[in-house]
Protein backbone atom coordinates (compact mmCIF):
# COMPACT_ATOMS: atom_id res chain seq x y z
CA MET A 1 149.02 38.42 103.81
CA ILE A 2 150.88 40.93 105.48
CA ASP A 3 149.60 42.61 108.26
CA ILE A 4 150.02 45.95 107.37
CA ARG A 5 148.79 47.57 110.44
CA PRO A 6 151.95 47.60 112.93
CA VAL A 7 153.85 49.49 109.96
CA ALA A 8 151.11 51.83 109.35
CA ASN A 9 151.34 52.62 113.14
CA ILE A 10 155.06 53.39 113.21
CA VAL A 11 154.96 55.31 110.24
CA GLY A 12 152.00 57.26 111.66
CA LYS A 13 154.15 58.03 114.42
CA VAL A 14 156.95 59.32 112.18
CA VAL A 15 154.59 61.49 110.41
CA VAL A 16 153.02 63.21 113.80
CA THR A 17 156.84 63.62 114.72
CA LEU A 18 158.03 65.15 111.48
CA GLY A 19 154.78 67.31 111.99
CA ALA A 20 155.51 68.48 114.86
CA ALA A 21 159.19 69.37 113.59
CA MET A 22 157.66 72.12 111.57
CA THR A 23 157.38 74.51 114.25
CA LEU A 24 161.01 75.10 114.39
CA PRO A 25 161.60 77.10 111.29
CA MET A 26 158.16 78.27 111.88
CA LEU A 27 159.41 79.78 114.80
CA VAL A 28 162.32 81.18 112.48
CA ASP A 29 160.28 83.01 110.26
CA TRP A 30 158.01 84.36 112.83
CA TRP A 31 161.14 85.64 114.86
CA HIS A 32 162.07 87.43 111.54
CA GLY A 33 158.61 89.07 111.46
CA ASP A 34 158.70 87.31 107.82
CA ALA A 35 154.66 85.86 107.00
CA HIS A 36 156.03 82.90 105.50
CA TRP A 37 155.38 81.04 109.06
CA MET A 38 151.86 80.78 107.98
CA SER A 39 152.64 77.86 105.76
CA PHE A 40 154.38 76.27 108.63
CA LEU A 41 151.41 75.95 110.51
CA GLY A 42 149.16 74.42 108.03
CA SER A 43 151.77 72.06 107.06
CA SER A 44 152.10 70.89 110.54
CA PHE A 45 148.64 70.60 111.29
CA LEU A 46 147.90 68.83 107.78
CA THR A 47 150.83 66.46 108.56
CA MET A 48 149.93 66.02 111.88
CA LEU A 49 146.49 65.26 111.81
CA ALA A 50 146.88 62.79 108.66
CA GLY A 51 149.51 60.67 110.86
CA GLY A 52 147.80 61.05 113.76
CA LEU A 53 144.34 59.14 111.98
CA VAL A 54 146.78 56.74 110.69
CA ALA A 55 148.50 55.64 114.30
CA LEU A 56 145.53 55.80 115.95
CA SER A 57 143.69 54.12 113.65
CA THR A 58 146.23 51.08 113.72
CA ARG A 59 146.88 51.68 117.66
CA GLN A 60 145.52 48.18 118.65
CA SER A 61 147.86 46.38 115.96
CA ASP A 62 150.61 43.83 117.09
CA LYS A 63 153.98 45.68 117.94
CA SER A 64 156.06 42.81 117.01
CA LEU A 65 157.41 42.97 113.45
CA ALA A 66 158.05 39.89 110.76
CA ILE A 67 160.41 39.90 108.38
CA GLN A 68 158.14 41.15 105.74
CA GLN A 69 157.28 43.71 107.50
CA VAL A 70 160.66 45.24 108.03
CA PHE A 71 161.35 45.33 104.95
CA LEU A 72 158.12 47.22 104.12
CA LEU A 73 158.28 49.39 107.33
CA THR A 74 162.04 50.68 105.64
CA ALA A 75 160.62 51.23 102.14
CA MET A 76 157.39 52.98 103.54
CA LEU A 77 159.19 55.38 105.57
CA TRP A 78 161.40 56.49 102.52
CA LEU A 79 158.44 56.61 100.26
CA VAL A 80 155.58 58.49 102.69
CA VAL A 81 157.93 60.61 104.89
CA PRO A 82 159.16 63.07 101.92
CA VAL A 83 155.52 63.50 101.01
CA ALA A 84 154.68 65.41 104.36
CA GLY A 85 158.38 66.82 104.04
CA ALA A 86 157.04 68.14 100.54
CA LEU A 87 154.39 69.88 101.87
CA PRO A 88 155.98 73.46 102.96
CA PHE A 89 157.70 73.85 99.89
CA MET A 90 154.07 73.76 97.99
CA LEU A 91 152.07 75.96 100.42
CA GLY A 92 154.97 78.22 101.09
CA GLU A 93 157.85 79.49 99.07
CA PRO A 94 158.95 78.61 96.51
CA GLN A 95 155.29 77.55 95.71
CA ALA A 96 156.67 74.51 94.09
CA SER A 97 154.61 71.96 92.00
CA PHE A 98 154.39 68.49 93.59
CA THR A 99 157.30 66.94 91.64
CA ASP A 100 159.76 69.36 92.66
CA ALA A 101 158.73 69.72 95.77
CA TYR A 102 158.77 65.90 96.52
CA PHE A 103 161.98 65.83 94.57
CA GLU A 104 163.28 68.12 96.93
CA ALA A 105 161.94 66.41 100.18
CA MET A 106 163.06 62.76 98.88
CA SER A 107 167.00 64.84 98.04
CA GLY A 108 166.54 65.57 101.92
CA MET A 109 165.79 62.70 103.74
CA THR A 110 167.70 60.31 101.46
CA THR A 111 170.77 62.81 102.24
CA THR A 112 171.02 63.06 98.48
CA GLY A 113 171.63 67.01 98.64
CA THR A 114 170.21 68.06 94.85
CA THR A 115 168.58 70.98 94.78
CA VAL A 116 165.72 71.68 92.10
CA PHE A 117 165.17 74.87 93.57
CA PRO A 118 166.88 77.92 91.12
CA ASP A 119 167.33 80.13 93.89
CA LEU A 120 168.39 79.45 97.33
CA ASP A 121 169.38 82.94 98.59
CA SER A 122 166.23 84.13 98.10
CA LEU A 123 164.17 81.49 99.61
CA PRO A 124 163.18 82.83 103.52
CA LYS A 125 164.88 81.21 106.30
CA GLY A 126 162.36 78.85 107.37
CA THR A 127 162.52 76.89 104.45
CA ASN A 128 165.97 76.85 103.89
CA LEU A 129 166.41 75.81 107.88
CA TRP A 130 163.57 72.73 106.51
CA ARG A 131 165.86 71.65 104.11
CA ALA A 132 168.57 71.54 106.30
CA PHE A 133 166.83 69.58 108.91
CA LEU A 134 165.17 67.19 106.23
CA ASN A 135 169.16 66.06 105.40
CA TRP A 136 169.55 65.82 109.51
CA ALA A 137 166.51 63.87 109.76
CA GLY A 138 167.39 61.59 106.81
CA GLY A 139 170.51 60.90 108.72
CA LEU A 140 169.67 59.87 111.58
CA GLY A 141 167.03 57.50 110.13
CA ILE A 142 169.48 56.21 108.10
CA ILE A 143 171.76 55.23 110.86
CA VAL A 144 169.15 53.51 112.95
CA VAL A 145 168.08 51.73 109.89
CA ALA A 146 171.60 50.41 109.06
CA MET A 147 172.63 49.34 112.30
CA ILE A 148 168.84 47.68 113.20
CA PHE A 149 166.79 46.69 110.35
CA LEU A 150 169.18 46.01 107.44
CA PRO A 151 171.50 43.61 109.51
CA VAL A 152 168.21 41.12 110.14
CA MET A 153 166.96 41.86 106.47
CA LYS A 154 170.09 40.60 105.07
CA VAL A 155 170.81 43.47 102.68
CA GLY A 156 174.50 43.77 100.99
CA GLY A 157 175.92 41.50 103.63
CA MET A 158 174.88 43.67 106.50
CA GLN A 159 173.84 40.67 107.86
CA PHE A 160 177.49 40.63 109.35
CA PHE A 161 177.20 43.22 111.31
CA ARG A 162 174.17 41.49 112.82
CA SER A 163 176.10 41.18 115.98
CA GLU A 164 176.42 44.51 116.82
CA GLY A 165 172.46 45.50 116.53
CA PHE A 166 170.55 42.90 117.95
CA ASP A 167 170.03 39.01 117.46
CA THR A 168 166.55 37.96 118.00
CA LEU A 169 163.63 39.47 115.17
CA GLY A 170 160.68 39.18 117.62
CA LYS A 171 162.49 41.68 120.08
CA ILE A 172 163.29 44.09 116.98
CA LEU A 173 161.79 47.58 118.67
CA PRO A 174 162.68 46.81 122.19
CA ARG A 175 166.16 46.61 121.30
CA ALA A 176 165.69 49.50 118.77
CA PHE A 177 164.90 52.07 121.01
CA ASP A 178 167.84 51.59 123.19
CA ILE A 179 170.14 51.41 120.35
CA ALA A 180 168.78 54.17 118.57
CA ARG A 181 168.77 56.57 121.77
CA GLU A 182 172.40 56.16 122.14
CA MET A 183 173.42 57.22 118.56
CA THR A 184 170.95 60.06 118.69
CA GLY A 185 172.53 61.15 121.47
CA VAL A 186 176.06 60.85 119.73
CA TYR A 187 174.24 62.38 116.26
CA ILE A 188 172.61 65.42 118.34
CA ALA A 189 176.30 65.99 120.48
CA MET A 190 178.05 66.04 117.01
CA THR A 191 175.87 68.40 115.45
CA ALA A 192 176.06 70.95 118.41
CA CYS A 193 179.68 70.48 118.35
CA SER A 194 180.12 71.24 115.03
CA MET A 195 177.85 74.41 114.87
CA VAL A 196 179.90 75.97 118.19
CA VAL A 197 182.78 74.95 115.91
CA TYR A 198 181.38 76.97 112.56
CA ILE A 199 180.26 79.91 114.99
CA LEU A 200 183.95 80.05 116.45
CA LEU A 201 185.39 79.75 113.12
CA GLY A 202 183.29 83.27 111.79
CA MET A 203 180.18 81.68 110.33
CA LYS A 204 176.76 83.68 111.49
CA GLY A 205 174.61 81.62 113.70
CA PHE A 206 171.85 80.78 111.40
CA ASP A 207 174.49 79.69 108.69
CA ALA A 208 176.31 77.62 111.27
CA LEU A 209 172.99 76.12 111.99
CA VAL A 210 172.09 74.82 108.63
CA PHE A 211 175.54 73.81 107.97
CA ALA A 212 175.95 71.79 111.09
CA LEU A 213 172.88 69.92 110.19
CA SER A 214 174.20 69.23 106.76
CA THR A 215 177.11 68.24 107.43
CA CYS A 216 176.65 65.84 110.29
CA SER A 217 174.21 64.22 107.87
CA THR A 218 176.41 64.13 104.79
CA GLY A 219 173.28 65.66 102.95
CA GLY A 220 174.82 68.94 101.49
CA PHE A 221 172.00 71.43 101.42
CA SER A 222 173.04 74.54 101.92
CA ASN A 223 171.44 78.13 102.19
CA TYR A 224 173.55 80.03 99.64
CA ASN A 225 173.61 79.32 95.76
CA SER A 226 177.50 79.29 95.86
CA SER A 227 177.10 76.03 98.28
CA PHE A 228 179.63 76.22 100.92
CA GLY A 229 181.74 78.73 98.93
CA PRO A 230 180.76 81.89 101.46
CA TYR A 231 183.30 80.36 104.02
CA ILE A 232 186.92 79.56 102.53
CA GLY A 233 189.52 79.08 104.61
CA ALA A 234 189.26 77.52 108.49
CA PRO A 235 185.78 76.21 107.97
CA GLU A 236 186.42 73.93 104.86
CA TYR A 237 188.75 72.53 107.22
CA ALA A 238 186.25 72.05 110.17
CA ALA A 239 183.54 71.00 107.63
CA ALA A 240 186.00 68.47 106.25
CA PHE A 241 186.34 66.84 109.85
CA PHE A 242 182.94 66.51 110.65
CA MET A 243 181.85 65.02 107.56
CA ILE A 244 184.40 62.25 107.80
CA MET A 245 183.67 61.87 111.79
CA ALA A 246 180.00 61.26 109.94
CA SER A 247 180.91 58.78 107.76
CA ILE A 248 182.34 56.33 109.91
CA PRO A 249 180.00 53.85 111.91
CA PHE A 250 178.23 55.73 114.94
CA ILE A 251 178.09 52.13 116.65
CA ARG A 252 181.92 52.75 117.18
CA MET A 253 181.22 56.39 118.53
CA VAL A 254 178.81 55.03 120.99
CA GLN A 255 181.30 52.19 122.20
CA LEU A 256 183.93 55.12 122.49
CA ILE A 257 181.83 57.16 124.88
CA ARG A 258 181.49 53.96 126.70
CA GLY A 259 185.15 54.10 127.71
CA SER A 260 186.15 51.39 124.75
CA ALA A 261 188.40 53.14 122.17
CA GLU A 262 189.87 49.65 120.68
CA PRO A 263 187.12 48.68 118.51
CA LEU A 264 187.44 52.27 116.47
CA TRP A 265 190.83 52.25 116.14
CA ARG A 266 191.06 48.25 115.14
CA ASP A 267 188.35 48.82 112.42
CA ILE A 268 189.29 47.62 109.24
CA GLN A 269 186.99 49.68 107.61
CA VAL A 270 187.54 52.60 109.44
CA ARG A 271 191.29 52.44 108.67
CA ALA A 272 190.60 51.65 105.20
CA TYR A 273 188.24 54.83 104.41
CA LEU A 274 190.40 57.22 106.15
CA ARG A 275 193.48 55.60 104.05
CA TRP A 276 191.51 55.97 101.00
CA THR A 277 190.44 59.56 101.35
CA PHE A 278 194.21 60.32 101.95
CA TYR A 279 195.35 58.73 98.78
CA ALA A 280 192.66 60.27 96.91
CA VAL A 281 193.42 63.92 98.17
CA ALA A 282 197.07 63.42 97.60
CA VAL A 283 197.07 62.23 93.96
CA ILE A 284 194.46 65.41 93.02
CA VAL A 285 197.09 68.18 95.09
CA LEU A 286 200.27 66.69 93.11
CA TYR A 287 198.34 66.45 89.75
CA ARG A 288 197.13 70.03 90.30
CA LEU A 289 200.49 71.18 91.59
CA LEU A 290 202.86 69.32 88.80
CA TRP A 291 200.62 69.18 86.21
CA LEU A 292 198.09 72.41 85.96
CA GLU A 293 200.71 74.14 87.91
CA ALA A 294 199.05 75.63 90.51
CA LYS A 295 200.70 78.69 92.21
CA ASN A 296 199.35 78.40 96.14
CA PRO A 297 199.99 74.79 97.86
CA LEU A 298 197.83 75.57 100.97
CA ASP A 299 195.04 76.95 99.16
CA VAL A 300 195.27 73.60 96.49
CA ILE A 301 195.36 71.28 99.76
CA ARG A 302 192.69 72.72 101.56
CA GLU A 303 190.21 73.47 98.60
CA THR A 304 191.04 69.85 97.34
CA THR A 305 190.43 68.05 100.79
CA PHE A 306 187.37 69.65 101.28
CA ASN A 307 186.15 68.72 98.16
CA VAL A 308 187.44 65.35 98.03
CA VAL A 309 185.85 64.51 101.77
CA SER A 310 182.89 66.03 100.46
CA ALA A 311 182.34 64.00 97.13
CA PHE A 312 183.70 60.62 99.09
CA SER A 313 181.35 61.23 102.02
CA GLY A 314 178.40 61.64 99.64
CA THR A 315 177.62 65.25 101.16
CA GLY A 316 177.99 67.12 97.55
CA LEU A 317 179.14 70.74 99.16
CA SER A 318 181.12 72.26 97.18
CA THR A 319 183.51 75.53 97.30
CA THR A 320 184.86 75.26 93.50
CA ASP A 321 184.11 74.39 90.08
CA VAL A 322 185.99 71.09 90.24
CA THR A 323 185.68 70.27 86.54
CA GLN A 324 188.27 73.23 86.28
CA TRP A 325 190.33 70.69 87.85
CA GLY A 326 190.78 68.15 84.66
CA HIS A 327 189.47 65.42 83.63
CA PHE A 328 191.46 62.99 85.87
CA PRO A 329 190.75 64.63 89.08
CA PHE A 330 186.98 64.39 87.51
CA VAL A 331 187.43 60.82 87.26
CA ILE A 332 188.94 60.06 90.79
CA LEU A 333 185.73 61.87 92.19
CA LEU A 334 183.18 60.12 90.47
CA VAL A 335 185.51 56.93 91.91
CA VAL A 336 185.19 58.01 95.24
CA GLY A 337 181.49 58.98 95.05
CA LEU A 338 181.10 55.21 93.90
CA ILE A 339 182.88 54.11 97.16
CA GLY A 340 181.32 56.20 99.75
CA GLY A 341 181.54 55.95 103.55
CA CYS A 342 181.84 53.27 106.21
CA THR A 343 178.41 51.12 106.89
CA GLY A 344 176.38 52.11 110.15
CA SER A 345 177.21 56.21 109.07
CA THR A 346 174.98 58.62 107.44
CA SER A 347 177.17 58.27 104.15
CA CYS A 348 176.22 56.91 101.17
CA SER A 349 177.07 54.45 98.35
CA VAL A 350 178.22 50.78 97.81
CA LYS A 351 179.91 51.54 101.16
CA VAL A 352 183.85 51.00 102.74
CA PHE A 353 182.87 47.09 103.72
CA ARG A 354 181.60 45.88 100.29
CA TYR A 355 184.36 47.10 98.69
CA LEU A 356 187.06 45.32 101.52
CA VAL A 357 184.70 42.29 100.84
CA LEU A 358 185.03 42.62 96.91
CA PHE A 359 188.71 42.20 97.04
CA GLN A 360 188.89 39.29 99.82
CA ALA A 361 186.86 37.25 97.46
CA VAL A 362 189.13 38.28 94.06
CA LYS A 363 192.42 37.57 96.17
CA ALA A 364 190.94 34.51 97.05
CA GLN A 365 190.05 33.40 93.47
CA LEU A 366 193.30 34.38 92.28
CA ARG A 367 195.13 32.02 95.33
CA ARG A 368 192.41 29.20 94.14
CA MET A 369 193.55 28.94 90.41
CA GLN A 370 197.14 29.37 91.24
CA SER A 371 196.39 26.50 93.86
CA PRO A 372 193.47 24.66 93.11
CA HIS A 373 193.00 22.18 95.51
CA ARG A 374 193.65 24.30 98.75
CA VAL A 375 191.36 26.05 100.50
CA PHE A 376 191.53 29.72 101.15
CA PRO A 377 189.12 31.19 103.61
CA LEU A 378 187.76 34.34 103.38
CA LEU A 379 188.46 36.55 106.64
CA TYR A 380 186.79 40.09 107.31
CA ASP A 381 188.94 41.51 110.18
CA GLY A 382 189.94 38.34 111.16
CA ARG A 383 186.69 37.15 111.13
CA PRO A 384 185.39 34.43 108.90
CA LEU A 385 182.66 35.55 106.04
CA ASP A 386 179.86 33.21 105.43
CA GLU A 387 179.03 32.52 101.83
CA ASP A 388 175.20 34.05 102.38
CA VAL A 389 177.57 37.24 103.25
CA ILE A 390 179.55 37.13 100.06
CA ASP A 391 176.50 36.56 97.85
CA SER A 392 174.98 39.00 99.44
CA VAL A 393 177.91 41.39 98.64
CA MET A 394 178.10 40.25 95.44
CA SER A 395 174.26 40.20 94.47
CA PHE A 396 174.34 44.01 95.61
CA PHE A 397 177.04 45.20 93.46
CA THR A 398 175.48 43.20 90.35
CA LEU A 399 172.43 44.90 90.96
CA PHE A 400 174.02 48.37 91.57
CA ILE A 401 175.75 48.16 88.38
CA LEU A 402 172.58 47.44 86.54
CA SER A 403 170.55 50.20 88.49
CA PHE A 404 173.36 52.65 87.83
CA GLY A 405 173.40 51.60 84.09
CA LEU A 406 169.90 51.94 83.47
CA LEU A 407 169.17 54.98 85.38
CA ILE A 408 172.02 56.79 82.87
CA ILE A 409 170.48 55.18 80.11
CA GLY A 410 166.57 56.21 80.88
CA LEU A 411 167.89 59.91 81.82
CA ALA A 412 169.87 59.92 78.49
CA LEU A 413 166.60 59.27 77.16
CA THR A 414 164.55 62.10 78.60
CA GLY A 415 167.07 64.22 76.45
CA LEU A 416 169.82 65.48 78.75
CA HIS A 417 173.37 65.53 77.90
CA PRO A 418 175.48 62.28 78.24
CA ARG A 419 177.56 63.75 80.82
CA THR A 420 174.68 65.31 82.59
CA ALA A 421 172.67 62.01 82.46
CA LEU A 422 175.81 60.00 83.65
CA THR A 423 176.57 62.39 86.93
CA ALA A 424 172.82 62.83 87.38
CA ALA A 425 172.44 58.97 87.48
CA TRP A 426 175.75 58.91 89.70
CA THR A 427 174.50 61.28 91.82
CA ALA A 428 170.87 59.41 92.50
CA ILE A 429 172.01 55.95 92.95
CA ALA A 430 175.08 57.35 95.34
CA ASN A 431 173.31 59.87 97.22
CA VAL A 432 176.31 62.15 96.21
CA GLY A 433 174.24 65.80 95.10
CA THR A 434 176.61 66.98 92.54
CA VAL A 435 175.43 67.05 89.06
CA TRP A 436 177.53 68.56 86.12
CA GLY A 437 176.05 69.30 82.52
CA PRO A 438 175.04 72.01 80.59
CA GLU A 439 171.22 72.08 82.00
CA MET A 440 172.47 72.75 85.27
CA THR A 441 170.95 76.10 86.94
CA ASP A 442 174.09 78.50 88.47
CA ASN A 443 173.58 77.29 91.76
CA GLY A 444 174.07 73.65 90.63
CA GLY A 445 169.92 72.76 90.82
CA VAL A 446 168.12 70.47 88.34
CA THR A 447 165.45 73.13 87.60
CA ASN A 448 165.58 72.67 84.12
CA PHE A 449 165.20 68.95 83.94
CA PRO A 450 162.72 67.46 82.01
CA THR A 451 159.52 66.17 84.86
CA ALA A 452 160.58 62.45 83.62
CA SER A 453 164.27 63.24 84.77
CA LYS A 454 163.48 64.25 88.09
CA TRP A 455 160.76 60.75 88.86
CA LEU A 456 164.07 58.76 87.46
CA MET A 457 166.55 60.44 90.00
CA ILE A 458 163.92 60.26 92.79
CA PHE A 459 163.62 56.85 92.33
CA GLY A 460 167.43 56.69 91.75
CA MET A 461 168.07 58.27 95.06
CA TYR A 462 165.31 56.56 97.13
CA LEU A 463 166.60 53.00 95.50
CA GLY A 464 170.16 53.97 96.25
CA ARG A 465 169.59 55.21 100.27
CA LEU A 466 167.49 51.88 100.69
CA GLU A 467 170.64 49.91 99.55
CA LEU A 468 168.36 48.32 96.60
CA ILE A 469 167.51 44.86 97.37
CA SER A 470 164.96 46.44 100.31
CA VAL A 471 163.32 47.91 97.61
CA LEU A 472 163.00 45.69 94.86
CA VAL A 473 162.01 42.85 96.91
CA LEU A 474 158.62 44.30 97.24
CA PHE A 475 158.27 43.74 93.57
CA LEU A 476 158.27 40.23 94.02
CA PRO A 477 154.69 38.48 94.52
CA ARG A 478 156.13 35.78 96.83
CA PHE A 479 156.95 38.22 98.88
CA TRP A 480 153.32 39.28 99.35
CA ARG A 481 152.30 36.03 99.61
CA SER A 482 154.69 34.58 102.21
């Protein structure tokens, strides 16, 4: 049997940290004279108490982690932490039900960005700050998990990047702290930089903080019903830049700070992501100018750049109703949302790396059909791809498509409009954040969804953020017997 005490100890400490973080929105509400700060005080106390009791009761446990414990830790963090994150939504405004509060917290922690609250403008500042902080915390968590845990778990081909994280399973935690500290520093610096830039471009201080937290995490929570709508113009370009930066591997930025720029410039994944983003923007701009005969080219370029980057990175912020662009641009947005950013970033979905591996595998297979007796080695950025990496990537694609399809069917069976079911499944499994359909509220929220639909989306967000296999493996009886 698996010893869950080391896992519970870490989860307890993370919950205590989250409880301590609740003092930030508490102080914001207190500063503005809003009595709502009491709900954060109560939530903080209960969260730290629960997490502290768990951590103290398991403090004598072995600090090293076996592979099964790594899987369990990854799954439990994104399952338990949103429960704590949901407390302020239930004890304070908007006094949500557990389903709605957990949905909002899961959406934040998975950096999806879909909201269940119908009126964001009327929420206390502390509540909107807490939503954005959940985005930010989830983004930081997935950076660490993607570079440190997923490679050793061999999830979706991530073992290819094992040399960039760590090599010795028995030294996970000491090595993890070293890497996490550097990437956290980069993450904080990027967030602070984006906030300063937003303020310089005319944003209010609080809005700049919220959007800095949500863009650098590619989470997409906003404190406005109109999403990023109040800041049309130069802030859109600034936000697009930071969403792109958050979508490239953070380990490359650590290397850049160390004085080595070559790994970033030569990273085939980064180059492909930037190239595909440019292609998507260019095609939609030309379509809108030539086919739809849009009048102002500069506005079209700015608007398209922001919304395409937002979908590609999985942020989900918007400044306009993209369904008005026509069916062709809408399909492109759905496609780029199913690609996502780079591995080792805060971005979501399938990831550019896996598509590059898929293209190499298809290319090699076509060559074998032409020359059956020749050997065509699969290379990624000049490095050979092992069979287990290729098999893992192919398994990921199979599970992703299967899960996506089953999620669409499940949501449709709850009574949602077909387009709503499609885009809700898309936004959940790919952690994008935007849903389109007749059931949506004016702010793009899923308030009117049946309870069953919300729980299906919660499971989809959870499954997609943890890259499918790391969750599904827990359902195998053999995993618990090993």
